[in-house]
C-alpha atoms as a PDB file:
ATOM      1  CA  UNK A   1       0.000   0.000   0.000  1.00  0.00           C
ATOM      2  CA  UNK A   2       1.186   3.505  -0.761  1.00  0.00           C
ATOM      3  CA  UNK A   3       2.680   5.457   2.142  1.00  0.00           C
ATOM      4  CA  UNK A   4       0.416   8.310   1.021  1.00  0.00           C
ATOM      5  CA  UNK A   5      -2.628   6.437   2.334  1.00  0.00           C
ATOM      6  CA  UNK A   6      -1.568   5.471   5.849  1.00  0.00           C
ATOM      7  CA  UNK A   7      -2.066   6.959   9.271  1.00  0.00           C
ATOM      8  CA  UNK A   8       1.519   8.047   9.788  1.00  0.00           C
ATOM      9  CA  UNK A   9       1.136  10.606  12.598  1.00  0.00           C
ATOM     10  CA  UNK A  10      -1.415  10.266  15.400  1.00  0.00           C
ATOM     11  CA  UNK A  11      -0.894  13.918  16.356  1.00  0.00           C
ATOM     12  CA  UNK A  12      -2.429  15.120  13.082  1.00  0.00           C
ATOM     13  CA  UNK A  13      -5.916  15.245  11.596  1.00  0.00           C
ATOM     14  CA  UNK A  14      -7.010  13.000   8.734  1.00  0.00           C
ATOM     15  CA  UNK A  15      -9.766  13.016   6.161  1.00  0.00           C
ATOM     16  CA  UNK A  16     -11.179   9.496   5.775  1.00  0.00           C
ATOM     17  CA  UNK A  17     -13.880   7.994   3.567  1.00  0.00           C
ATOM     18  CA  UNK A  18     -15.576   4.636   4.099  1.00  0.00           C
ATOM     19  CA  UNK A  19     -17.405   3.441   1.000  1.00  0.00           C
ATOM     20  CA  UNK A  20     -19.912   0.604   0.834  1.00  0.00           C
ATOM     21  CA  UNK A  21     -18.955  -2.215  -1.518  1.00  0.00           C
ATOM     22  CA  UNK A  22     -20.135  -1.534  -5.078  1.00  0.00           C
ATOM     23  CA  UNK A  23     -21.365   1.870  -3.891  1.00  0.00           C
ATOM     24  CA  UNK A  24     -24.576   0.235  -2.658  1.00  0.00           C
ATOM     25  CA  UNK A  25     -26.984   2.878  -1.326  1.00  0.00           C
ATOM     26  CA  UNK A  26     -27.209   1.224   2.072  1.00  0.00           C
ATOM     27  CA  UNK A  27     -27.738   4.334   4.179  1.00  0.00           C
ATOM     28  CA  UNK A  28     -31.146   5.264   2.852  1.00  0.00           C
ATOM     29  CA  UNK A  29     -32.617   3.655   5.965  1.00  0.00           C
ATOM     30  CA  UNK A  30     -32.603   5.445   9.318  1.00  0.00           C
ATOM     31  CA  UNK A  31     -31.766   2.237  11.214  1.00  0.00           C
ATOM     32  CA  UNK A  32     -28.542   1.756   9.270  1.00  0.00           C
ATOM     33  CA  UNK A  33     -27.448   5.367   9.742  1.00  0.00           C
ATOM     34  CA  UNK A  34     -28.097   5.055  13.479  1.00  0.00           C
ATOM     35  CA  UNK A  35     -25.752   2.068  13.656  1.00  0.00           C
ATOM     36  CA  UNK A  36     -22.989   4.265  12.226  1.00  0.00           C
ATOM     37  CA  UNK A  37     -23.755   7.174  14.549  1.00  0.00           C
ATOM     38  CA  UNK A  38     -23.824   4.951  17.641  1.00  0.00           C
ATOM     39  CA  UNK A  39     -20.601   3.212  16.640  1.00  0.00           C
ATOM     40  CA  UNK A  40     -18.808   6.539  16.179  1.00  0.00           C
ATOM     41  CA  UNK A  41     -20.115   7.685  19.588  1.00  0.00           C
ATOM     42  CA  UNK A  42     -18.681   4.536  21.129  1.00  0.00           C
ATOM     43  CA  UNK A  43     -15.279   5.187  19.554  1.00  0.00           C
ATOM     44  CA  UNK A  44     -15.346   8.767  20.817  1.00  0.00           C
ATOM     45  CA  UNK A  45     -16.174   7.691  24.357  1.00  0.00           C
ATOM     46  CA  UNK A  46     -14.043   4.548  24.635  1.00  0.00           C
ATOM     47  CA  UNK A  47     -11.239   4.685  22.073  1.00  0.00           C
ATOM     48  CA  UNK A  48     -10.120   8.322  22.041  1.00  0.00           C
ATOM     49  CA  UNK A  49     -11.580   9.208  18.644  1.00  0.00           C
ATOM     50  CA  UNK A  50     -11.728  12.962  18.073  1.00  0.00           C
ATOM     51  CA  UNK A  51     -14.268  14.046  15.480  1.00  0.00           C
ATOM     52  CA  UNK A  52     -13.945  17.383  13.677  1.00  0.00           C
ATOM     53  CA  UNK A  53     -16.349  16.780  10.814  1.00  0.00           C
ATOM     54  CA  UNK A  54     -18.550  14.055   9.397  1.00  0.00           C
ATOM     55  CA  UNK A  55     -21.230  13.311   6.849  1.00  0.00           C
ATOM     56  CA  UNK A  56     -23.160  10.133   6.102  1.00  0.00           C
ATOM     57  CA  UNK A  57     -24.249   9.857   2.486  1.00  0.00           C
ATOM     58  CA  UNK A  58     -26.276   7.007   0.992  1.00  0.00           C
ATOM     59  CA  UNK A  59     -23.254   4.892   0.030  1.00  0.00           C
ATOM     60  CA  UNK A  60     -20.359   6.357   2.000  1.00  0.00           C
ATOM     61  CA  UNK A  61     -19.203   8.145   5.112  1.00  0.00           C
ATOM     62  CA  UNK A  62     -16.722  11.042   5.343  1.00  0.00           C
ATOM     63  CA  UNK A  63     -14.853  11.839   8.543  1.00  0.00           C
ATOM     64  CA  UNK A  64     -12.278  14.362   9.700  1.00  0.00           C
ATOM     65  CA  UNK A  65     -10.650  12.669  12.670  1.00  0.00           C
ATOM     66  CA  UNK A  66      -7.854  12.778  15.190  1.00  0.00           C
ATOM     67  CA  UNK A  67      -7.094  10.832  18.351  1.00  0.00           C
ATOM     68  CA  UNK A  68      -6.164  11.350  21.976  1.00  0.00           C
ATOM     69  CA  UNK A  69      -4.566   7.981  22.516  1.00  0.00           C
ATOM     70  CA  UNK A  70      -5.247   4.855  20.503  1.00  0.00           C
ATOM     71  CA  UNK A  71      -3.717   4.680  17.047  1.00  0.00           C
ATOM     72  CA  UNK A  72      -6.091   6.029  14.407  1.00  0.00           C
ATOM     73  CA  UNK A  73      -5.427   3.001  12.232  1.00  0.00           C
ATOM     74  CA  UNK A  74      -6.692   0.749  15.030  1.00  0.00           C
ATOM     75  CA  UNK A  75      -9.744   2.901  15.746  1.00  0.00           C
ATOM     76  CA  UNK A  76     -10.708   3.018  12.054  1.00  0.00           C
ATOM     77  CA  UNK A  77     -10.128  -0.738  11.660  1.00  0.00           C
ATOM     78  CA  UNK A  78     -12.316  -1.468  14.687  1.00  0.00           C
ATOM     79  CA  UNK A  79     -15.001   0.976  13.546  1.00  0.00           C
ATOM     80  CA  UNK A  80     -15.171  -0.618  10.102  1.00  0.00           C
ATOM     81  CA  UNK A  81     -15.198  -4.141  11.516  1.00  0.00           C
ATOM     82  CA  UNK A  82     -17.876  -3.418  14.113  1.00  0.00           C
ATOM     83  CA  UNK A  83     -20.172  -1.498  11.761  1.00  0.00           C
ATOM     84  CA  UNK A  84     -19.766  -4.182   9.119  1.00  0.00           C
ATOM     85  CA  UNK A  85     -20.897  -6.869  11.550  1.00  0.00           C
ATOM     86  CA  UNK A  86     -23.761  -4.799  12.955  1.00  0.00           C
ATOM     87  CA  UNK A  87     -24.999  -3.675   9.534  1.00  0.00           C
ATOM     88  CA  UNK A  88     -24.774  -7.227   8.168  1.00  0.00           C
ATOM     89  CA  UNK A  89     -27.043  -8.402  11.005  1.00  0.00           C
ATOM     90  CA  UNK A  90     -29.401  -5.452  10.512  1.00  0.00           C
ATOM     91  CA  UNK A  91     -29.760  -6.118   6.778  1.00  0.00           C
ATOM     92  CA  UNK A  92     -30.583  -9.767   7.457  1.00  0.00           C
ATOM     93  CA  UNK A  93     -33.369  -8.990   9.930  1.00  0.00           C
ATOM     94  CA  UNK A  94     -34.815  -5.704   8.662  1.00  0.00           C
ATOM     95  CA  UNK A  95     -38.528  -6.470   8.185  1.00  0.00           C
ATOM     96  CA  UNK A  96     -39.014  -4.363   5.055  1.00  0.00           C
ATOM     97  CA  UNK A  97     -35.604  -4.615   3.385  1.00  0.00           C
ATOM     98  CA  UNK A  98     -36.675  -5.338  -0.187  1.00  0.00           C
ATOM     99  CA  UNK A  99     -33.052  -5.243  -1.379  1.00  0.00           C
ATOM    100  CA  UNK A 100     -31.803  -7.804   1.155  1.00  0.00           C
ATOM    101  CA  UNK A 101     -30.879 -10.663  -1.182  1.00  0.00           C
ATOM    102  CA  UNK A 102     -29.256  -8.370  -3.736  1.00  0.00           C
ATOM    103  CA  UNK A 103     -27.187  -6.514  -1.117  1.00  0.00           C
ATOM    104  CA  UNK A 104     -26.074  -9.671   0.662  1.00  0.00           C
ATOM    105  CA  UNK A 105     -25.061 -11.247  -2.638  1.00  0.00           C
ATOM    106  CA  UNK A 106     -23.049  -8.146  -3.643  1.00  0.00           C
ATOM    107  CA  UNK A 107     -21.270  -8.156  -0.300  1.00  0.00           C
ATOM    108  CA  UNK A 108     -20.565 -11.891  -0.426  1.00  0.00           C
ATOM    109  CA  UNK A 109     -19.050 -11.483  -3.915  1.00  0.00           C
ATOM    110  CA  UNK A 110     -16.921  -8.608  -2.630  1.00  0.00           C
ATOM    111  CA  UNK A 111     -15.664 -10.824   0.196  1.00  0.00           C
ATOM    112  CA  UNK A 112     -14.519 -13.403  -2.332  1.00  0.00           C
ATOM    113  CA  UNK A 113     -12.709 -10.688  -4.256  1.00  0.00           C
ATOM    114  CA  UNK A 114     -11.135  -8.707  -1.392  1.00  0.00           C
ATOM    115  CA  UNK A 115     -10.978 -10.810   1.736  1.00  0.00           C
ATOM    116  CA  UNK A 116      -9.041 -13.902   2.709  1.00  0.00           C
ATOM    117  CA  UNK A 117     -11.201 -14.879   5.655  1.00  0.00           C
ATOM    118  CA  UNK A 118     -14.540 -13.104   5.559  1.00  0.00           C
ATOM    119  CA  UNK A 119     -17.735 -14.268   3.902  1.00  0.00           C
ATOM    120  CA  UNK A 120     -19.123 -10.737   3.908  1.00  0.00           C
ATOM    121  CA  UNK A 121     -17.490  -7.465   2.820  1.00  0.00           C
ATOM    122  CA  UNK A 122     -19.609  -4.414   3.607  1.00  0.00           C
ATOM    123  CA  UNK A 123     -16.947  -1.711   3.237  1.00  0.00           C
ATOM    124  CA  UNK A 124     -14.506  -1.341   0.399  1.00  0.00           C
ATOM    125  CA  UNK A 125     -11.078  -2.328   1.770  1.00  0.00           C
ATOM    126  CA  UNK A 126      -9.411   1.075   1.661  1.00  0.00           C
ATOM    127  CA  UNK A 127     -10.390   4.255   3.460  1.00  0.00           C
ATOM    128  CA  UNK A 128      -7.543   6.316   1.978  1.00  0.00           C
ATOM    129  CA  UNK A 129      -6.690   8.487   4.981  1.00  0.00           C
ATOM    130  CA  UNK A 130      -5.429  11.861   3.801  1.00  0.00           C
ATOM    131  CA  UNK A 131      -3.183  13.757   6.200  1.00  0.00           C
ATOM    132  CA  UNK A 132      -4.503  17.282   6.631  1.00  0.00           C
ATOM    133  CA  UNK A 133      -1.279  19.256   6.649  1.00  0.00           C
ATOM    134  CA  UNK A 134      -2.812  22.656   7.359  1.00  0.00           C
ATOM    135  CA  UNK A 135      -5.856  24.268   8.884  1.00  0.00           C
ATOM    136  CA  UNK A 136      -6.734  25.588   5.422  1.00  0.00           C
ATOM    137  CA  UNK A 137      -6.704  22.047   4.014  1.00  0.00           C
ATOM    138  CA  UNK A 138      -8.885  20.829   6.915  1.00  0.00           C
ATOM    139  CA  UNK A 139     -11.429  23.594   6.235  1.00  0.00           C
ATOM    140  CA  UNK A 140     -11.454  22.749   2.510  1.00  0.00           C
ATOM    141  CA  UNK A 141     -12.266  19.106   3.306  1.00  0.00           C
ATOM    142  CA  UNK A 142     -14.871  20.149   5.848  1.00  0.00           C
ATOM    143  CA  UNK A 143     -16.590  22.350   3.269  1.00  0.00           C
ATOM    144  CA  UNK A 144     -16.425  19.484   0.761  1.00  0.00           C
ATOM    145  CA  UNK A 145     -18.102  16.978   3.100  1.00  0.00           C
ATOM    146  CA  UNK A 146     -20.723  19.463   4.254  1.00  0.00           C
ATOM    147  CA  UNK A 147     -21.630  20.247   0.646  1.00  0.00           C
ATOM    148  CA  UNK A 148     -21.981  16.569  -0.381  1.00  0.00           C
ATOM    149  CA  UNK A 149     -25.731  16.430   0.427  1.00  0.00           C
ATOM    150  CA  UNK A 150     -26.293  19.739  -1.394  1.00  0.00           C
ATOM    151  CA  UNK A 151     -24.475  18.561  -4.524  1.00  0.00           C
ATOM    152  CA  UNK A 152     -26.440  15.279  -4.377  1.00  0.00           C
ATOM    153  CA  UNK A 153     -29.686  17.283  -4.290  1.00  0.00           C
ATOM    154  CA  UNK A 154     -30.839  16.012  -0.882  1.00  0.00           C
ATOM    155  CA  UNK A 155     -30.955  19.487   0.717  1.00  0.00           C
ATOM    156  CA  UNK A 156     -30.488  23.080  -0.391  1.00  0.00           C
ATOM    157  CA  UNK A 157     -28.293  24.115   2.561  1.00  0.00           C
ATOM    158  CA  UNK A 158     -25.566  22.008   4.244  1.00  0.00           C
ATOM    159  CA  UNK A 159     -26.977  22.640   7.724  1.00  0.00           C
ATOM    160  CA  UNK A 160     -30.258  20.974   6.736  1.00  0.00           C
ATOM    161  CA  UNK A 161     -28.649  17.510   6.437  1.00  0.00           C
ATOM    162  CA  UNK A 162     -29.284  15.684   9.725  1.00  0.00           C
ATOM    163  CA  UNK A 163     -26.424  13.231   9.292  1.00  0.00           C
ATOM    164  CA  UNK A 164     -23.603  15.751   9.129  1.00  0.00           C
ATOM    165  CA  UNK A 165     -21.577  18.060  11.322  1.00  0.00           C
ATOM    166  CA  UNK A 166     -22.662  21.034   9.180  1.00  0.00           C
ATOM    167  CA  UNK A 167     -25.567  21.728  11.508  1.00  0.00           C
ATOM    168  CA  UNK A 168     -23.107  22.056  14.410  1.00  0.00           C
ATOM    169  CA  UNK A 169     -20.857  24.457  12.514  1.00  0.00           C
ATOM    170  CA  UNK A 170     -23.937  26.588  11.784  1.00  0.00           C
ATOM    171  CA  UNK A 171     -24.867  26.776  15.478  1.00  0.00           C
ATOM    172  CA  UNK A 172     -27.255  23.838  15.836  1.00  0.00           C
ATOM    173  CA  UNK A 173     -27.083  20.474  17.603  1.00  0.00           C
ATOM    174  CA  UNK A 174     -25.217  17.663  15.867  1.00  0.00           C
ATOM    175  CA  UNK A 175     -25.989  13.994  16.471  1.00  0.00           C
ATOM    176  CA  UNK A 176     -22.292  13.543  17.257  1.00  0.00           C
ATOM    177  CA  UNK A 177     -19.969  15.521  19.502  1.00  0.00           C
ATOM    178  CA  UNK A 178     -17.710  17.711  17.384  1.00  0.00           C
ATOM    179  CA  UNK A 179     -14.439  19.475  18.090  1.00  0.00           C
ATOM    180  CA  UNK A 180     -14.380  22.757  16.180  1.00  0.00           C
ATOM    181  CA  UNK A 181     -11.586  23.262  13.703  1.00  0.00           C
ATOM    182  CA  UNK A 182      -9.577  26.371  14.546  1.00  0.00           C
ATOM    183  CA  UNK A 183     -10.840  29.371  12.549  1.00  0.00           C
ATOM    184  CA  UNK A 184      -9.072  30.190   9.314  1.00  0.00           C
ATOM    185  CA  UNK A 185      -6.716  33.128   9.514  1.00  0.00           C
ATOM    186  CA  UNK A 186      -6.110  35.317   6.530  1.00  0.00           C
END
């Protein structure tokens, strides 16, 4: 793997994206989004995850993260593993999941392609952590993730997307605890 896409410095912030296998629009259901939110909360409380920005889209999740202790690579690995297991179970038992068989088949095929030991691959293998080398770069990524729902046509203003930190940066209450990025200086 390229050195460019590794967590090389736990004292820095990173931009990370988790993408569902085959870009399946998994997160159209509230229950599935809640699994992600609750898992991130757990990592914040128990693993030292610091969250500066986030956005859940229908097929992927963007994060701007840091840490106060545990290695980011370990936190991200555990987050992906746990959410994969929990979402797999949720898909199997969701009473009105009309796409169940199709999604499970896509994720089983992905496991055959990407994994040596798993029978189910919910997330694409890479999360491509990008080291945010400056406050300006962090703010650019934050603006990018907050505008994702606007560009997708889900909302007209970033702060209207419930599953994002944009609401917090505009003065409202976010579903997840956020650490504010330092203001940009000109």
